[in-house]
Amino acid sequence: MSEWLGCEKPLGLNENISAAADWIDSILKKQFFAESLNEEEVKTAWKEVAGDFISSNTEPVSVKDGHLVLRVTQPAMRFHLEQMKPELLRKIKERFGKDKIKSIKFSLG
C-alpha cells in the first residue's frame, strides 16, 4: 500500500485546513490599512510639513480616499494655500509616500 500511495501513512484530510474567518482580518489589514493613511499621523506631522505659520492657520480635518481636507481660518489664507497647493502636495507626498495623498481640499471654518 505504501508503494501505491507514495508514503507510509496517508495525510489526515483535516490537516492544514483553517476557517476563512481566521485569515480575513489579517488580509484586510494588510490590504486596506497598508494602503490607507492614519489621520492622526497626518495631524501630528502637519506642523512639520506645512511650517509654523500655515499650521497655525489650518487644521487637517480628514483623509479619505487619498484626499486631505484642511480647515482654513480665513478666506485670504485659503487663497494663499490654493496658490501653494502644488508645493504642499509635493511635501506631503515626500513625507507619506506619493500614493497616499492624491489631492488637498480646503474648507473654511
N, C-alpha and C. Protein backbone atom coordinates (compact mmCIF):
# COMPACT_ATOMS: atom_id res chain seq x y z
N MET A 1 0.82 -1.19 0.00
CA MET A 1 0.00 0.00 0.00
C MET A 1 0.87 1.26 0.00
N SER A 2 1.97 1.26 0.74
CA SER A 2 2.82 2.45 0.81
C SER A 2 3.45 2.75 -0.54
N GLU A 3 3.75 1.72 -1.35
CA GLU A 3 4.30 1.97 -2.68
C GLU A 3 3.27 2.66 -3.56
N TRP A 4 2.03 2.26 -3.43
CA TRP A 4 0.97 2.84 -4.24
C TRP A 4 0.67 4.28 -3.83
N LEU A 5 0.65 4.58 -2.51
CA LEU A 5 0.38 5.92 -2.01
C LEU A 5 1.59 6.85 -2.12
N GLY A 6 2.78 6.30 -2.09
CA GLY A 6 3.98 7.11 -2.14
C GLY A 6 4.43 7.59 -0.78
N CYS A 7 3.76 7.13 0.28
CA CYS A 7 4.16 7.48 1.64
C CYS A 7 3.70 6.38 2.58
N GLU A 8 4.23 6.41 3.79
CA GLU A 8 3.91 5.38 4.76
C GLU A 8 2.46 5.46 5.25
N LYS A 9 2.06 6.65 5.60
CA LYS A 9 0.74 6.84 6.19
C LYS A 9 0.05 7.99 5.47
N PRO A 10 -1.19 7.81 5.05
CA PRO A 10 -1.87 8.91 4.37
C PRO A 10 -2.05 10.12 5.31
N LEU A 11 -1.99 11.29 4.72
CA LEU A 11 -2.18 12.50 5.49
C LEU A 11 -3.65 12.63 5.89
N GLY A 12 -3.89 13.22 7.05
CA GLY A 12 -5.25 13.44 7.51
C GLY A 12 -5.95 14.48 6.63
N LEU A 13 -7.21 14.28 6.35
CA LEU A 13 -7.94 15.19 5.49
C LEU A 13 -8.13 16.57 6.10
N ASN A 14 -8.14 16.68 7.42
CA ASN A 14 -8.36 17.96 8.08
C ASN A 14 -7.07 18.68 8.48
N GLU A 15 -5.93 18.12 8.13
CA GLU A 15 -4.67 18.79 8.46
C GLU A 15 -4.47 20.00 7.56
N ASN A 16 -3.90 21.03 8.12
CA ASN A 16 -3.59 22.27 7.41
C ASN A 16 -4.82 22.96 6.82
N ILE A 17 -5.97 22.73 7.40
CA ILE A 17 -7.19 23.40 6.97
C ILE A 17 -7.62 24.35 8.07
N SER A 18 -7.96 25.58 7.67
CA SER A 18 -8.45 26.54 8.64
C SER A 18 -9.65 27.27 8.06
N ALA A 19 -10.42 27.85 8.94
CA ALA A 19 -11.60 28.59 8.51
C ALA A 19 -11.20 29.91 7.86
N ALA A 20 -11.98 30.36 6.92
CA ALA A 20 -11.69 31.62 6.24
C ALA A 20 -11.68 32.79 7.21
N ALA A 21 -12.51 32.73 8.24
CA ALA A 21 -12.58 33.80 9.23
C ALA A 21 -11.24 34.02 9.93
N ASP A 22 -10.44 32.95 10.02
CA ASP A 22 -9.13 33.08 10.66
C ASP A 22 -8.18 33.96 9.84
N TRP A 23 -8.40 34.11 8.55
CA TRP A 23 -7.48 34.83 7.67
C TRP A 23 -8.03 36.16 7.18
N ILE A 24 -9.32 36.37 7.24
CA ILE A 24 -9.91 37.59 6.68
C ILE A 24 -9.37 38.84 7.34
N ASP A 25 -9.31 38.87 8.66
CA ASP A 25 -8.80 40.06 9.36
C ASP A 25 -7.38 40.42 8.93
N SER A 26 -6.51 39.44 8.88
CA SER A 26 -5.12 39.74 8.53
C SER A 26 -5.00 40.18 7.07
N ILE A 27 -5.80 39.60 6.19
CA ILE A 27 -5.75 40.02 4.78
C ILE A 27 -6.25 41.44 4.63
N LEU A 28 -7.36 41.77 5.28
CA LEU A 28 -7.90 43.13 5.19
C LEU A 28 -6.94 44.16 5.78
N LYS A 29 -6.32 43.83 6.88
CA LYS A 29 -5.37 44.76 7.49
C LYS A 29 -4.19 45.01 6.57
N LYS A 30 -3.70 43.95 5.94
CA LYS A 30 -2.57 44.12 5.03
C LYS A 30 -2.95 44.93 3.82
N GLN A 31 -4.10 44.67 3.25
CA GLN A 31 -4.52 45.37 2.04
C GLN A 31 -5.02 46.78 2.30
N PHE A 32 -5.94 46.91 3.26
CA PHE A 32 -6.57 48.21 3.49
C PHE A 32 -5.70 49.15 4.28
N PHE A 33 -5.24 48.71 5.43
CA PHE A 33 -4.51 49.61 6.31
C PHE A 33 -3.11 49.90 5.81
N ALA A 34 -2.53 48.99 5.06
CA ALA A 34 -1.21 49.29 4.50
C ALA A 34 -1.32 50.38 3.44
N GLU A 35 -2.46 50.43 2.73
CA GLU A 35 -2.62 51.42 1.69
C GLU A 35 -3.21 52.72 2.21
N SER A 36 -3.89 52.67 3.33
CA SER A 36 -4.52 53.88 3.83
C SER A 36 -3.54 54.64 4.72
N LEU A 37 -3.94 55.81 5.11
CA LEU A 37 -3.09 56.67 5.91
C LEU A 37 -3.83 57.02 7.18
N ASN A 38 -3.15 56.92 8.27
CA ASN A 38 -3.75 57.23 9.55
C ASN A 38 -3.92 58.74 9.69
N GLU A 39 -5.16 59.18 9.96
CA GLU A 39 -5.43 60.61 10.09
C GLU A 39 -4.63 61.24 11.22
N GLU A 40 -4.48 60.53 12.31
CA GLU A 40 -3.71 61.07 13.44
C GLU A 40 -2.25 61.29 13.06
N GLU A 41 -1.74 60.42 12.23
CA GLU A 41 -0.35 60.56 11.78
C GLU A 41 -0.19 61.85 10.96
N VAL A 42 -1.19 62.13 10.11
CA VAL A 42 -1.15 63.35 9.30
C VAL A 42 -1.27 64.58 10.20
N LYS A 43 -2.19 64.53 11.17
CA LYS A 43 -2.38 65.67 12.07
C LYS A 43 -1.12 65.96 12.86
N THR A 44 -0.45 64.92 13.29
CA THR A 44 0.77 65.09 14.06
C THR A 44 1.90 65.68 13.22
N ALA A 45 2.00 65.25 11.97
CA ALA A 45 3.10 65.69 11.12
C ALA A 45 2.80 66.98 10.36
N TRP A 46 1.57 67.47 10.45
CA TRP A 46 1.19 68.64 9.65
C TRP A 46 2.06 69.86 9.92
N LYS A 47 2.38 70.14 11.18
CA LYS A 47 3.19 71.31 11.52
C LYS A 47 4.58 71.21 10.89
N GLU A 48 5.12 70.03 10.92
CA GLU A 48 6.45 69.81 10.33
C GLU A 48 6.40 69.98 8.80
N VAL A 49 5.35 69.48 8.18
CA VAL A 49 5.24 69.55 6.72
C VAL A 49 4.91 70.96 6.25
N ALA A 50 3.97 71.62 6.92
CA ALA A 50 3.46 72.92 6.46
C ALA A 50 4.24 74.11 7.00
N GLY A 51 4.87 73.96 8.13
CA GLY A 51 5.55 75.09 8.75
C GLY A 51 4.67 75.74 9.80
N ASP A 52 5.26 76.59 10.62
CA ASP A 52 4.55 77.19 11.76
C ASP A 52 3.38 78.08 11.35
N PHE A 53 3.61 78.97 10.40
CA PHE A 53 2.57 79.93 10.03
C PHE A 53 1.35 79.24 9.42
N ILE A 54 1.59 78.37 8.47
CA ILE A 54 0.47 77.68 7.82
C ILE A 54 -0.24 76.75 8.78
N SER A 55 0.50 76.03 9.59
CA SER A 55 -0.13 75.09 10.52
C SER A 55 -0.93 75.81 11.61
N SER A 56 -0.55 77.05 11.93
CA SER A 56 -1.32 77.79 12.94
C SER A 56 -2.63 78.33 12.37
N ASN A 57 -2.76 78.37 11.05
CA ASN A 57 -3.98 78.86 10.40
C ASN A 57 -4.78 77.76 9.71
N THR A 58 -4.33 76.54 9.85
CA THR A 58 -5.02 75.41 9.22
C THR A 58 -5.07 74.24 10.19
N GLU A 59 -5.94 73.30 9.88
CA GLU A 59 -6.03 72.08 10.68
C GLU A 59 -6.46 70.94 9.76
N PRO A 60 -5.71 69.84 9.75
CA PRO A 60 -6.15 68.68 8.99
C PRO A 60 -7.44 68.12 9.60
N VAL A 61 -8.48 67.98 8.79
CA VAL A 61 -9.76 67.50 9.28
C VAL A 61 -9.92 66.02 9.01
N SER A 62 -9.60 65.59 7.77
CA SER A 62 -9.77 64.18 7.44
C SER A 62 -8.89 63.81 6.26
N VAL A 63 -8.68 62.50 6.15
CA VAL A 63 -8.02 61.92 4.99
C VAL A 63 -8.90 60.76 4.54
N LYS A 64 -9.52 60.92 3.37
CA LYS A 64 -10.40 59.87 2.86
C LYS A 64 -10.12 59.67 1.38
N ASP A 65 -9.90 58.42 1.03
CA ASP A 65 -9.64 58.05 -0.37
C ASP A 65 -8.53 58.88 -0.99
N GLY A 66 -7.53 59.20 -0.21
CA GLY A 66 -6.39 59.95 -0.73
C GLY A 66 -6.58 61.45 -0.82
N HIS A 67 -7.68 61.95 -0.26
CA HIS A 67 -7.94 63.39 -0.28
C HIS A 67 -7.79 63.96 1.13
N LEU A 68 -6.87 64.87 1.29
CA LEU A 68 -6.64 65.54 2.56
C LEU A 68 -7.51 66.78 2.62
N VAL A 69 -8.36 66.87 3.64
CA VAL A 69 -9.21 68.05 3.82
C VAL A 69 -8.63 68.88 4.94
N LEU A 70 -8.38 70.16 4.65
CA LEU A 70 -7.82 71.08 5.63
C LEU A 70 -8.85 72.15 5.97
N ARG A 71 -9.02 72.42 7.25
CA ARG A 71 -9.86 73.54 7.69
C ARG A 71 -8.97 74.77 7.74
N VAL A 72 -9.44 75.84 7.10
CA VAL A 72 -8.68 77.08 6.99
C VAL A 72 -9.41 78.17 7.76
N THR A 73 -8.67 79.01 8.47
CA THR A 73 -9.29 80.00 9.34
C THR A 73 -9.85 81.21 8.60
N GLN A 74 -9.24 81.61 7.49
CA GLN A 74 -9.65 82.85 6.82
C GLN A 74 -9.67 82.66 5.29
N PRO A 75 -10.57 83.38 4.61
CA PRO A 75 -10.61 83.30 3.15
C PRO A 75 -9.29 83.70 2.49
N ALA A 76 -8.63 84.71 3.03
CA ALA A 76 -7.35 85.13 2.45
C ALA A 76 -6.30 84.03 2.56
N MET A 77 -6.32 83.32 3.67
CA MET A 77 -5.39 82.20 3.84
C MET A 77 -5.73 81.07 2.87
N ARG A 78 -7.01 80.86 2.65
CA ARG A 78 -7.42 79.82 1.69
C ARG A 78 -6.88 80.16 0.30
N PHE A 79 -7.02 81.42 -0.11
CA PHE A 79 -6.50 81.85 -1.41
C PHE A 79 -4.99 81.60 -1.48
N HIS A 80 -4.29 81.96 -0.43
CA HIS A 80 -2.85 81.76 -0.36
C HIS A 80 -2.50 80.28 -0.49
N LEU A 81 -3.25 79.44 0.20
CA LEU A 81 -2.99 78.00 0.16
C LEU A 81 -3.31 77.39 -1.20
N GLU A 82 -4.33 77.92 -1.86
CA GLU A 82 -4.64 77.45 -3.22
C GLU A 82 -3.45 77.69 -4.14
N GLN A 83 -2.77 78.82 -3.95
CA GLN A 83 -1.59 79.13 -4.74
C GLN A 83 -0.42 78.21 -4.39
N MET A 84 -0.37 77.78 -3.13
CA MET A 84 0.71 76.92 -2.64
C MET A 84 0.40 75.43 -2.75
N LYS A 85 -0.78 75.09 -3.22
CA LYS A 85 -1.23 73.69 -3.22
C LYS A 85 -0.21 72.72 -3.86
N PRO A 86 0.35 73.01 -5.02
CA PRO A 86 1.32 72.07 -5.60
C PRO A 86 2.53 71.82 -4.69
N GLU A 87 3.03 72.87 -4.06
CA GLU A 87 4.18 72.73 -3.16
C GLU A 87 3.81 71.94 -1.91
N LEU A 88 2.65 72.23 -1.33
CA LEU A 88 2.19 71.48 -0.15
C LEU A 88 1.99 70.01 -0.48
N LEU A 89 1.39 69.75 -1.63
CA LEU A 89 1.16 68.37 -2.04
C LEU A 89 2.47 67.63 -2.26
N ARG A 90 3.44 68.31 -2.82
CA ARG A 90 4.76 67.69 -3.02
C ARG A 90 5.39 67.32 -1.67
N LYS A 91 5.32 68.24 -0.71
CA LYS A 91 5.90 67.97 0.61
C LYS A 91 5.18 66.82 1.32
N ILE A 92 3.86 66.79 1.18
CA ILE A 92 3.10 65.71 1.82
C ILE A 92 3.43 64.37 1.18
N LYS A 93 3.57 64.36 -0.13
CA LYS A 93 3.92 63.12 -0.82
C LYS A 93 5.32 62.65 -0.45
N GLU A 94 6.23 63.60 -0.27
CA GLU A 94 7.58 63.24 0.18
C GLU A 94 7.54 62.60 1.57
N ARG A 95 6.70 63.12 2.42
CA ARG A 95 6.62 62.66 3.82
C ARG A 95 5.91 61.32 3.95
N PHE A 96 4.79 61.14 3.22
CA PHE A 96 3.95 59.96 3.42
C PHE A 96 3.95 58.98 2.27
N GLY A 97 4.59 59.31 1.18
CA GLY A 97 4.58 58.44 0.01
C GLY A 97 3.68 59.02 -1.07
N LYS A 98 4.07 58.82 -2.30
CA LYS A 98 3.37 59.51 -3.39
C LYS A 98 1.97 58.99 -3.65
N ASP A 99 1.65 57.79 -3.21
CA ASP A 99 0.32 57.23 -3.47
C ASP A 99 -0.66 57.42 -2.33
N LYS A 100 -0.23 57.97 -1.22
CA LYS A 100 -1.10 58.09 -0.05
C LYS A 100 -2.05 59.28 -0.14
N ILE A 101 -1.55 60.43 -0.53
CA ILE A 101 -2.37 61.64 -0.65
C ILE A 101 -2.37 62.06 -2.13
N LYS A 102 -3.57 62.13 -2.71
CA LYS A 102 -3.69 62.49 -4.12
C LYS A 102 -4.03 63.96 -4.31
N SER A 103 -4.76 64.52 -3.36
CA SER A 103 -5.16 65.92 -3.51
C SER A 103 -5.39 66.55 -2.14
N ILE A 104 -5.44 67.88 -2.15
CA ILE A 104 -5.72 68.65 -0.95
C ILE A 104 -6.96 69.49 -1.23
N LYS A 105 -7.88 69.48 -0.29
CA LYS A 105 -9.09 70.30 -0.39
C LYS A 105 -9.15 71.20 0.83
N PHE A 106 -9.65 72.40 0.65
CA PHE A 106 -9.72 73.37 1.73
C PHE A 106 -11.18 73.67 2.07
N SER A 107 -11.44 73.81 3.36
CA SER A 107 -12.78 74.23 3.79
C SER A 107 -12.61 75.35 4.82
N LEU A 108 -13.46 76.35 4.73
CA LEU A 108 -13.40 77.46 5.68
C LEU A 108 -14.11 77.05 6.96
N GLY A 109 -13.54 77.45 8.07
CA GLY A 109 -14.21 77.10 9.31
C GLY A 109 -13.52 77.58 10.48
